[in-house]
């Protein structure tokens, strides 16, 4: 299925495997086509939203399902930091800002609640502030993290801070009967949402409008990638990505190519890329 203004979901990709320096039984399988793309979040600017006519909501038009008890615990602690000045739809009580819903036709699972319209219609996530809200538009948890000097991944649900990275993990038995945990790091494209992903009004990973970042994604998403695979594994991944970027990709992300052809980007050398990112985070 083709979507206007977006590249196809099927195209050549470059994958790289390496052992986690911190754990010989952990193998990282990384999609370099995705990690070397110039994707960047364009919420509030070029984002068209996943529901037609509600572009201001971005990908926050539905509640976020929690992955596990640790996810719930972390978000609970963050919600306690919020007040009416920073959270437009402020409510108290776990049962007020969460609700049960079905996940992929399975048994009900807990997610963040959604706003309810005057006629009971479902709105976006309860943590989404309107653009004109005095306390700041966008995710209230994201904004509170920044006010507290924290990275948003420390406050937001897993699915929110991980997107649009997809991590799949499975134990694999090798020919010599040894087992290794394989962590595949790649793009969370429309298919990542299941069959319903094809019905989204717009999805950023396939759109050239969102491939306008000043640096490669493995640099801009360093904190998220580190949280997903560990510090030593990320450090090695960054080295390998920089080397591949220097040599040039064989299979570059088509959305990045399309964005560059439309509006040429000033590409930084891999070393400058890393140093500039480190300086910004310092």
C-alpha atoms as a PDB file:
ATOM      1  CA  UNK A   1       0.000   0.000   0.000  1.00  0.00           C
ATOM      2  CA  UNK A   2       1.407   3.356  -1.054  1.00  0.00           C
ATOM      3  CA  UNK A   3       0.893   6.576   0.920  1.00  0.00           C
ATOM      4  CA  UNK A   4       1.094   9.969  -0.747  1.00  0.00           C
ATOM      5  CA  UNK A   5       4.280  11.850   0.041  1.00  0.00           C
ATOM      6  CA  UNK A   6       5.918   8.824   1.670  1.00  0.00           C
ATOM      7  CA  UNK A   7       8.517   6.385   0.399  1.00  0.00           C
ATOM      8  CA  UNK A   8       7.833   2.676  -0.006  1.00  0.00           C
ATOM      9  CA  UNK A   9       8.185   0.370   2.983  1.00  0.00           C
ATOM     10  CA  UNK A  10      10.269  -2.079   0.979  1.00  0.00           C
ATOM     11  CA  UNK A  11      13.785  -1.067  -0.017  1.00  0.00           C
ATOM     12  CA  UNK A  12      17.364  -2.340   0.454  1.00  0.00           C
ATOM     13  CA  UNK A  13      18.823  -2.008   3.939  1.00  0.00           C
ATOM     14  CA  UNK A  14      22.282  -2.467   5.414  1.00  0.00           C
ATOM     15  CA  UNK A  15      22.535  -4.470   8.620  1.00  0.00           C
ATOM     16  CA  UNK A  16      25.503  -4.863  10.945  1.00  0.00           C
ATOM     17  CA  UNK A  17      26.090  -7.414  13.696  1.00  0.00           C
ATOM     18  CA  UNK A  18      28.532  -7.170  16.573  1.00  0.00           C
ATOM     19  CA  UNK A  19      28.968  -8.645  20.024  1.00  0.00           C
ATOM     20  CA  UNK A  20      28.153  -6.478  23.025  1.00  0.00           C
ATOM     21  CA  UNK A  21      31.526  -5.604  24.626  1.00  0.00           C
ATOM     22  CA  UNK A  22      29.859  -5.892  28.037  1.00  0.00           C
ATOM     23  CA  UNK A  23      28.259  -9.301  27.411  1.00  0.00           C
ATOM     24  CA  UNK A  24      29.567 -12.011  25.046  1.00  0.00           C
ATOM     25  CA  UNK A  25      26.118 -13.626  25.069  1.00  0.00           C
ATOM     26  CA  UNK A  26      24.477 -10.497  23.672  1.00  0.00           C
ATOM     27  CA  UNK A  27      24.534  -9.819  19.933  1.00  0.00           C
ATOM     28  CA  UNK A  28      23.502  -6.454  18.496  1.00  0.00           C
ATOM     29  CA  UNK A  29      21.957  -6.444  15.030  1.00  0.00           C
ATOM     30  CA  UNK A  30      21.653  -2.849  13.806  1.00  0.00           C
ATOM     31  CA  UNK A  31      19.897  -1.389  10.766  1.00  0.00           C
ATOM     32  CA  UNK A  32      22.489   1.102   9.518  1.00  0.00           C
ATOM     33  CA  UNK A  33      20.156   2.359   6.813  1.00  0.00           C
ATOM     34  CA  UNK A  34      17.874   3.621   9.573  1.00  0.00           C
ATOM     35  CA  UNK A  35      20.479   4.702  12.111  1.00  0.00           C
ATOM     36  CA  UNK A  36      22.398   6.689   9.495  1.00  0.00           C
ATOM     37  CA  UNK A  37      19.246   8.351   8.201  1.00  0.00           C
ATOM     38  CA  UNK A  38      18.565  12.023   8.933  1.00  0.00           C
ATOM     39  CA  UNK A  39      15.207  11.360  10.554  1.00  0.00           C
ATOM     40  CA  UNK A  40      14.246  13.844  13.269  1.00  0.00           C
ATOM     41  CA  UNK A  41      11.046  14.527  15.203  1.00  0.00           C
ATOM     42  CA  UNK A  42       9.075  17.325  13.524  1.00  0.00           C
ATOM     43  CA  UNK A  43       6.263  17.568  16.080  1.00  0.00           C
ATOM     44  CA  UNK A  44       4.740  21.033  15.974  1.00  0.00           C
ATOM     45  CA  UNK A  45       6.274  21.917  12.612  1.00  0.00           C
ATOM     46  CA  UNK A  46       6.124  19.521   9.655  1.00  0.00           C
ATOM     47  CA  UNK A  47       4.261  16.733  11.466  1.00  0.00           C
ATOM     48  CA  UNK A  48       0.926  15.874   9.826  1.00  0.00           C
ATOM     49  CA  UNK A  49      -0.356  13.653  12.612  1.00  0.00           C
ATOM     50  CA  UNK A  50      -1.555  10.065  12.492  1.00  0.00           C
ATOM     51  CA  UNK A  51      -5.220  11.129  12.260  1.00  0.00           C
ATOM     52  CA  UNK A  52      -6.400  13.401   9.448  1.00  0.00           C
ATOM     53  CA  UNK A  53      -7.308  16.901  10.614  1.00  0.00           C
ATOM     54  CA  UNK A  54      -5.561  16.444  13.971  1.00  0.00           C
ATOM     55  CA  UNK A  55      -1.982  17.178  12.975  1.00  0.00           C
ATOM     56  CA  UNK A  56      -1.391  19.173  16.170  1.00  0.00           C
ATOM     57  CA  UNK A  57      -1.571  15.878  18.097  1.00  0.00           C
ATOM     58  CA  UNK A  58       1.318  14.255  16.242  1.00  0.00           C
ATOM     59  CA  UNK A  59       1.524  10.608  17.280  1.00  0.00           C
ATOM     60  CA  UNK A  60      -0.196  11.326  20.620  1.00  0.00           C
ATOM     61  CA  UNK A  61      -3.737  10.753  19.328  1.00  0.00           C
ATOM     62  CA  UNK A  62      -4.096   7.548  21.363  1.00  0.00           C
ATOM     63  CA  UNK A  63      -3.094   6.428  24.817  1.00  0.00           C
ATOM     64  CA  UNK A  64       0.307   4.783  25.307  1.00  0.00           C
ATOM     65  CA  UNK A  65       0.291   1.157  26.481  1.00  0.00           C
ATOM     66  CA  UNK A  66       2.702   0.314  29.288  1.00  0.00           C
ATOM     67  CA  UNK A  67       5.284  -2.398  28.633  1.00  0.00           C
ATOM     68  CA  UNK A  68       5.783  -3.699  32.173  1.00  0.00           C
ATOM     69  CA  UNK A  69       5.676  -2.871  35.881  1.00  0.00           C
ATOM     70  CA  UNK A  70       8.909  -0.864  35.713  1.00  0.00           C
ATOM     71  CA  UNK A  71       7.409   1.320  32.991  1.00  0.00           C
ATOM     72  CA  UNK A  72       4.361   2.009  35.150  1.00  0.00           C
ATOM     73  CA  UNK A  73       6.503   2.740  38.218  1.00  0.00           C
ATOM     74  CA  UNK A  74       8.687   5.249  36.367  1.00  0.00           C
ATOM     75  CA  UNK A  75       5.740   7.134  34.866  1.00  0.00           C
ATOM     76  CA  UNK A  76       3.912   7.169  38.202  1.00  0.00           C
ATOM     77  CA  UNK A  77       6.886   8.905  39.791  1.00  0.00           C
ATOM     78  CA  UNK A  78       6.997  11.437  36.957  1.00  0.00           C
ATOM     79  CA  UNK A  79       3.274  12.209  37.203  1.00  0.00           C
ATOM     80  CA  UNK A  80       3.755  13.179  40.851  1.00  0.00           C
ATOM     81  CA  UNK A  81       6.009  15.972  39.580  1.00  0.00           C
ATOM     82  CA  UNK A  82       3.199  17.494  37.508  1.00  0.00           C
ATOM     83  CA  UNK A  83       0.838  20.242  38.613  1.00  0.00           C
ATOM     84  CA  UNK A  84      -1.925  22.251  36.959  1.00  0.00           C
ATOM     85  CA  UNK A  85       0.556  24.833  35.719  1.00  0.00           C
ATOM     86  CA  UNK A  86       2.360  22.277  33.574  1.00  0.00           C
ATOM     87  CA  UNK A  87      -0.389  19.765  32.850  1.00  0.00           C
ATOM     88  CA  UNK A  88      -3.488  21.141  31.174  1.00  0.00           C
ATOM     89  CA  UNK A  89      -5.666  18.105  31.918  1.00  0.00           C
ATOM     90  CA  UNK A  90      -4.380  17.566  35.433  1.00  0.00           C
ATOM     91  CA  UNK A  91      -6.044  14.773  37.402  1.00  0.00           C
ATOM     92  CA  UNK A  92      -5.047  12.873  40.521  1.00  0.00           C
ATOM     93  CA  UNK A  93      -5.030   9.112  40.910  1.00  0.00           C
ATOM     94  CA  UNK A  94      -3.578   6.303  38.797  1.00  0.00           C
ATOM     95  CA  UNK A  95      -7.074   5.204  37.742  1.00  0.00           C
ATOM     96  CA  UNK A  96      -7.792   8.719  36.498  1.00  0.00           C
ATOM     97  CA  UNK A  97      -4.858   9.084  34.142  1.00  0.00           C
ATOM     98  CA  UNK A  98      -4.817   5.472  32.940  1.00  0.00           C
ATOM     99  CA  UNK A  99      -7.453   3.138  31.518  1.00  0.00           C
ATOM    100  CA  UNK A 100      -7.815  -0.409  30.226  1.00  0.00           C
ATOM    101  CA  UNK A 101      -8.018  -1.091  26.511  1.00  0.00           C
ATOM    102  CA  UNK A 102      -7.476  -4.040  24.176  1.00  0.00           C
ATOM    103  CA  UNK A 103      -4.047  -4.467  22.647  1.00  0.00           C
ATOM    104  CA  UNK A 104      -3.993  -6.324  19.302  1.00  0.00           C
ATOM    105  CA  UNK A 105      -7.171  -8.269  20.149  1.00  0.00           C
ATOM    106  CA  UNK A 106      -5.587  -9.625  23.318  1.00  0.00           C
ATOM    107  CA  UNK A 107      -6.809  -9.302  26.891  1.00  0.00           C
ATOM    108  CA  UNK A 108      -7.229  -5.727  28.170  1.00  0.00           C
ATOM    109  CA  UNK A 109      -4.003  -3.897  28.976  1.00  0.00           C
ATOM    110  CA  UNK A 110      -3.379  -0.629  30.794  1.00  0.00           C
ATOM    111  CA  UNK A 111      -2.459   2.531  28.941  1.00  0.00           C
ATOM    112  CA  UNK A 112      -2.467   6.270  29.523  1.00  0.00           C
ATOM    113  CA  UNK A 113      -5.998   7.625  29.401  1.00  0.00           C
ATOM    114  CA  UNK A 114      -7.327   9.761  26.570  1.00  0.00           C
ATOM    115  CA  UNK A 115      -9.128  13.055  26.749  1.00  0.00           C
ATOM    116  CA  UNK A 116     -12.896  12.911  26.357  1.00  0.00           C
ATOM    117  CA  UNK A 117     -14.874  15.415  24.303  1.00  0.00           C
ATOM    118  CA  UNK A 118     -18.216  16.973  25.333  1.00  0.00           C
ATOM    119  CA  UNK A 119     -20.087  14.158  23.584  1.00  0.00           C
ATOM    120  CA  UNK A 120     -17.826  11.446  24.928  1.00  0.00           C
ATOM    121  CA  UNK A 121     -15.695  11.174  21.797  1.00  0.00           C
ATOM    122  CA  UNK A 122     -12.137  10.020  22.340  1.00  0.00           C
ATOM    123  CA  UNK A 123      -9.448  12.649  22.112  1.00  0.00           C
ATOM    124  CA  UNK A 124      -5.648  12.475  22.343  1.00  0.00           C
ATOM    125  CA  UNK A 125      -3.530  11.282  25.267  1.00  0.00           C
ATOM    126  CA  UNK A 126      -4.417  12.917  28.572  1.00  0.00           C
ATOM    127  CA  UNK A 127      -0.838  14.176  28.902  1.00  0.00           C
ATOM    128  CA  UNK A 128      -0.985  16.170  25.661  1.00  0.00           C
ATOM    129  CA  UNK A 129      -1.292  19.910  26.289  1.00  0.00           C
ATOM    130  CA  UNK A 130      -2.849  22.123  23.621  1.00  0.00           C
ATOM    131  CA  UNK A 131      -0.463  24.255  21.588  1.00  0.00           C
ATOM    132  CA  UNK A 132      -1.795  27.444  23.210  1.00  0.00           C
ATOM    133  CA  UNK A 133      -1.640  26.196  26.799  1.00  0.00           C
ATOM    134  CA  UNK A 134       0.226  28.771  28.976  1.00  0.00           C
ATOM    135  CA  UNK A 135       2.312  26.018  30.543  1.00  0.00           C
ATOM    136  CA  UNK A 136       3.542  24.888  27.143  1.00  0.00           C
ATOM    137  CA  UNK A 137       2.108  22.750  24.363  1.00  0.00           C
ATOM    138  CA  UNK A 138       2.956  19.112  23.721  1.00  0.00           C
ATOM    139  CA  UNK A 139       3.605  16.276  26.146  1.00  0.00           C
ATOM    140  CA  UNK A 140       3.385  17.403  29.770  1.00  0.00           C
ATOM    141  CA  UNK A 141       5.751  14.638  30.873  1.00  0.00           C
ATOM    142  CA  UNK A 142       8.321  15.613  28.243  1.00  0.00           C
ATOM    143  CA  UNK A 143       8.200  19.261  29.287  1.00  0.00           C
ATOM    144  CA  UNK A 144       8.440  18.424  32.993  1.00  0.00           C
ATOM    145  CA  UNK A 145      11.535  16.315  32.367  1.00  0.00           C
ATOM    146  CA  UNK A 146      13.220  19.232  30.633  1.00  0.00           C
ATOM    147  CA  UNK A 147      12.263  21.587  33.474  1.00  0.00           C
ATOM    148  CA  UNK A 148      13.786  19.122  35.924  1.00  0.00           C
ATOM    149  CA  UNK A 149      16.987  18.842  33.909  1.00  0.00           C
ATOM    150  CA  UNK A 150      16.243  15.229  32.980  1.00  0.00           C
ATOM    151  CA  UNK A 151      16.072  13.424  29.667  1.00  0.00           C
ATOM    152  CA  UNK A 152      12.428  12.800  28.642  1.00  0.00           C
ATOM    153  CA  UNK A 153      13.025   9.034  28.502  1.00  0.00           C
ATOM    154  CA  UNK A 154      13.197   9.109  32.303  1.00  0.00           C
ATOM    155  CA  UNK A 155       9.595  10.354  32.546  1.00  0.00           C
ATOM    156  CA  UNK A 156       7.692   9.134  29.478  1.00  0.00           C
ATOM    157  CA  UNK A 157       6.183   5.684  28.787  1.00  0.00           C
ATOM    158  CA  UNK A 158       8.548   3.290  27.019  1.00  0.00           C
ATOM    159  CA  UNK A 159       6.638   3.295  23.754  1.00  0.00           C
ATOM    160  CA  UNK A 160       6.743   7.100  23.609  1.00  0.00           C
ATOM    161  CA  UNK A 161      10.480   7.601  24.084  1.00  0.00           C
ATOM    162  CA  UNK A 162      11.502   4.580  22.026  1.00  0.00           C
ATOM    163  CA  UNK A 163       9.590   5.584  18.901  1.00  0.00           C
ATOM    164  CA  UNK A 164      10.514   5.481  16.097  1.00  0.00           C
ATOM    165  CA  UNK A 165      13.153   2.906  17.071  1.00  0.00           C
ATOM    166  CA  UNK A 166      12.067  -0.707  17.199  1.00  0.00           C
ATOM    167  CA  UNK A 167      13.904  -3.191  19.389  1.00  0.00           C
ATOM    168  CA  UNK A 168      13.155  -6.880  18.921  1.00  0.00           C
ATOM    169  CA  UNK A 169      14.855  -9.362  21.243  1.00  0.00           C
ATOM    170  CA  UNK A 170      15.005 -13.137  21.123  1.00  0.00           C
ATOM    171  CA  UNK A 171      17.266 -15.928  22.297  1.00  0.00           C
ATOM    172  CA  UNK A 172      18.821 -17.732  19.352  1.00  0.00           C
ATOM    173  CA  UNK A 173      20.417 -21.175  19.366  1.00  0.00           C
ATOM    174  CA  UNK A 174      23.596 -21.380  17.328  1.00  0.00           C
ATOM    175  CA  UNK A 175      24.879 -24.418  15.384  1.00  0.00           C
ATOM    176  CA  UNK A 176      27.243 -25.256  18.273  1.00  0.00           C
ATOM    177  CA  UNK A 177      24.248 -25.357  20.666  1.00  0.00           C
ATOM    178  CA  UNK A 178      25.241 -22.135  22.427  1.00  0.00           C
ATOM    179  CA  UNK A 179      22.576 -19.507  22.942  1.00  0.00           C
ATOM    180  CA  UNK A 180      22.827 -15.770  22.395  1.00  0.00           C
ATOM    181  CA  UNK A 181      20.384 -12.933  22.990  1.00  0.00           C
ATOM    182  CA  UNK A 182      19.905 -11.031  19.740  1.00  0.00           C
ATOM    183  CA  UNK A 183      18.770  -7.403  19.995  1.00  0.00           C
ATOM    184  CA  UNK A 184      17.669  -6.094  16.609  1.00  0.00           C
ATOM    185  CA  UNK A 185      17.583  -2.298  16.428  1.00  0.00           C
ATOM    186  CA  UNK A 186      15.699  -0.884  13.475  1.00  0.00           C
ATOM    187  CA  UNK A 187      12.975   1.369  12.155  1.00  0.00           C
ATOM    188  CA  UNK A 188       9.488   1.375  13.657  1.00  0.00           C
ATOM    189  CA  UNK A 189       7.655   1.841  10.384  1.00  0.00           C
ATOM    190  CA  UNK A 190       3.947   1.517   9.657  1.00  0.00           C
ATOM    191  CA  UNK A 191       4.133  -2.258   9.871  1.00  0.00           C
ATOM    192  CA  UNK A 192       5.308  -1.962  13.459  1.00  0.00           C
ATOM    193  CA  UNK A 193       1.758  -0.996  14.433  1.00  0.00           C
ATOM    194  CA  UNK A 194       0.284  -4.147  12.933  1.00  0.00           C
ATOM    195  CA  UNK A 195      -2.354  -4.126  10.207  1.00  0.00           C
ATOM    196  CA  UNK A 196      -3.730  -0.810  11.485  1.00  0.00           C
ATOM    197  CA  UNK A 197      -0.453   0.927  10.730  1.00  0.00           C
ATOM    198  CA  UNK A 198      -1.376   1.143   7.070  1.00  0.00           C
ATOM    199  CA  UNK A 199      -4.455   3.176   8.006  1.00  0.00           C
ATOM    200  CA  UNK A 200      -2.515   5.949   9.738  1.00  0.00           C
ATOM    201  CA  UNK A 201      -3.023   9.296   8.040  1.00  0.00           C
ATOM    202  CA  UNK A 202       0.744   9.909   7.989  1.00  0.00           C
ATOM    203  CA  UNK A 203       3.849   8.293   9.408  1.00  0.00           C
ATOM    204  CA  UNK A 204       7.079  10.191   9.842  1.00  0.00           C
ATOM    205  CA  UNK A 205       9.716   7.521   9.218  1.00  0.00           C
ATOM    206  CA  UNK A 206       8.673   7.216   5.567  1.00  0.00           C
ATOM    207  CA  UNK A 207       8.245  10.937   4.965  1.00  0.00           C
ATOM    208  CA  UNK A 208      11.052  13.126   3.573  1.00  0.00           C
ATOM    209  CA  UNK A 209       9.518  15.956   5.644  1.00  0.00           C
ATOM    210  CA  UNK A 210      10.929  14.276   8.758  1.00  0.00           C
ATOM    211  CA  UNK A 211      14.353  13.427   7.319  1.00  0.00           C
ATOM    212  CA  UNK A 212      15.796  16.891   7.770  1.00  0.00           C
ATOM    213  CA  UNK A 213      17.985  16.387  10.831  1.00  0.00           C
ATOM    214  CA  UNK A 214      21.365  18.089  11.053  1.00  0.00           C
ATOM    215  CA  UNK A 215      22.991  14.852  12.183  1.00  0.00           C
ATOM    216  CA  UNK A 216      22.548  11.131  11.724  1.00  0.00           C
ATOM    217  CA  UNK A 217      19.980   9.449  13.913  1.00  0.00           C
ATOM    218  CA  UNK A 218      22.493   7.316  15.805  1.00  0.00           C
ATOM    219  CA  UNK A 219      23.889  10.609  17.150  1.00  0.00           C
ATOM    220  CA  UNK A 220      20.657  12.490  17.837  1.00  0.00           C
ATOM    221  CA  UNK A 221      19.138   9.424  19.533  1.00  0.00           C
ATOM    222  CA  UNK A 222      22.232   8.480  21.533  1.00  0.00           C
ATOM    223  CA  UNK A 223      20.462   8.523  24.949  1.00  0.00           C
ATOM    224  CA  UNK A 224      17.606   6.336  23.700  1.00  0.00           C
ATOM    225  CA  UNK A 225      19.917   3.857  21.999  1.00  0.00           C
ATOM    226  CA  UNK A 226      22.098   3.701  25.097  1.00  0.00           C
ATOM    227  CA  UNK A 227      19.049   2.899  27.216  1.00  0.00           C
ATOM    228  CA  UNK A 228      18.061   0.143  24.789  1.00  0.00           C
ATOM    229  CA  UNK A 229      21.382  -1.674  24.358  1.00  0.00           C
ATOM    230  CA  UNK A 230      23.703  -0.408  27.105  1.00  0.00           C
ATOM    231  CA  UNK A 231      26.582   2.074  27.274  1.00  0.00           C
ATOM    232  CA  UNK A 232      29.380  -0.113  25.950  1.00  0.00           C
ATOM    233  CA  UNK A 233      27.270  -1.513  23.133  1.00  0.00           C
ATOM    234  CA  UNK A 234      26.197   1.980  22.108  1.00  0.00           C
ATOM    235  CA  UNK A 235      29.784   3.244  22.154  1.00  0.00           C
ATOM    236  CA  UNK A 236      30.777   0.442  19.795  1.00  0.00           C
ATOM    237  CA  UNK A 237      27.704   1.055  17.634  1.00  0.00           C
ATOM    238  CA  UNK A 238      28.595   4.743  17.331  1.00  0.00           C
ATOM    239  CA  UNK A 239      32.134   3.867  16.230  1.00  0.00           C
ATOM    240  CA  UNK A 240      30.870   1.483  13.570  1.00  0.00           C
ATOM    241  CA  UNK A 241      28.208   3.920  12.370  1.00  0.00           C
ATOM    242  CA  UNK A 242      30.772   6.710  12.057  1.00  0.00           C
ATOM    243  CA  UNK A 243      33.069   4.456  10.045  1.00  0.00           C
ATOM    244  CA  UNK A 244      30.227   3.362   7.760  1.00  0.00           C
ATOM    245  CA  UNK A 245      29.122   6.954   7.281  1.00  0.00           C
ATOM    246  CA  UNK A 246      32.658   7.938   6.337  1.00  0.00           C
ATOM    247  CA  UNK A 247      32.866   5.170   3.743  1.00  0.00           C
ATOM    248  CA  UNK A 248      29.373   5.835   2.427  1.00  0.00           C
ATOM    249  CA  UNK A 249      26.233   3.734   2.590  1.00  0.00           C
ATOM    250  CA  UNK A 250      25.292   1.403  -0.238  1.00  0.00           C
ATOM    251  CA  UNK A 251      21.635   1.405   0.835  1.00  0.00           C
ATOM    252  CA  UNK A 252      20.730   4.875   2.078  1.00  0.00           C
ATOM    253  CA  UNK A 253      17.237   5.512   3.438  1.00  0.00           C
ATOM    254  CA  UNK A 254      15.082   6.679   0.498  1.00  0.00           C
ATOM    255  CA  UNK A 255      13.318   9.322   2.604  1.00  0.00           C
ATOM    256  CA  UNK A 256      16.678  10.859   3.526  1.00  0.00           C
ATOM    257  CA  UNK A 257      17.708  10.808  -0.132  1.00  0.00           C
ATOM    258  CA  UNK A 258      14.442  12.468  -1.161  1.00  0.00           C
ATOM    259  CA  UNK A 259      14.804  15.149   1.514  1.00  0.00           C
ATOM    260  CA  UNK A 260      18.365  15.936   0.472  1.00  0.00           C
ATOM    261  CA  UNK A 261      17.411  16.210  -3.197  1.00  0.00           C
ATOM    262  CA  UNK A 262      14.607  18.575  -2.281  1.00  0.00           C
ATOM    263  CA  UNK A 263      16.582  20.673   0.210  1.00  0.00           C
ATOM    264  CA  UNK A 264      20.326  19.945   0.245  1.00  0.00           C
ATOM    265  CA  UNK A 265      21.627  19.307   3.751  1.00  0.00           C
ATOM    266  CA  UNK A 266      25.033  20.272   5.077  1.00  0.00           C
ATOM    267  CA  UNK A 267      26.452  16.904   6.052  1.00  0.00           C
ATOM    268  CA  UNK A 268      28.904  16.840   8.936  1.00  0.00           C
ATOM    269  CA  UNK A 269      31.899  14.559   8.969  1.00  0.00           C
ATOM    270  CA  UNK A 270      31.332  11.637  11.373  1.00  0.00           C
ATOM    271  CA  UNK A 271      33.853  12.898  13.949  1.00  0.00           C
ATOM    272  CA  UNK A 272      32.452  16.449  13.854  1.00  0.00           C
ATOM    273  CA  UNK A 273      28.984  14.933  14.091  1.00  0.00           C
ATOM    274  CA  UNK A 274      29.821  13.135  17.324  1.00  0.00           C
ATOM    275  CA  UNK A 275      31.701  16.046  18.860  1.00  0.00           C
ATOM    276  CA  UNK A 276      28.913  18.544  18.149  1.00  0.00           C
ATOM    277  CA  UNK A 277      26.357  16.230  19.734  1.00  0.00           C
ATOM    278  CA  UNK A 278      28.506  15.718  22.821  1.00  0.00           C
ATOM    279  CA  UNK A 279      28.966  19.473  23.173  1.00  0.00           C
ATOM    280  CA  UNK A 280      25.214  20.035  23.018  1.00  0.00           C
ATOM    281  CA  UNK A 281      24.581  17.426  25.720  1.00  0.00           C
ATOM    282  CA  UNK A 282      27.353  18.730  27.990  1.00  0.00           C
END
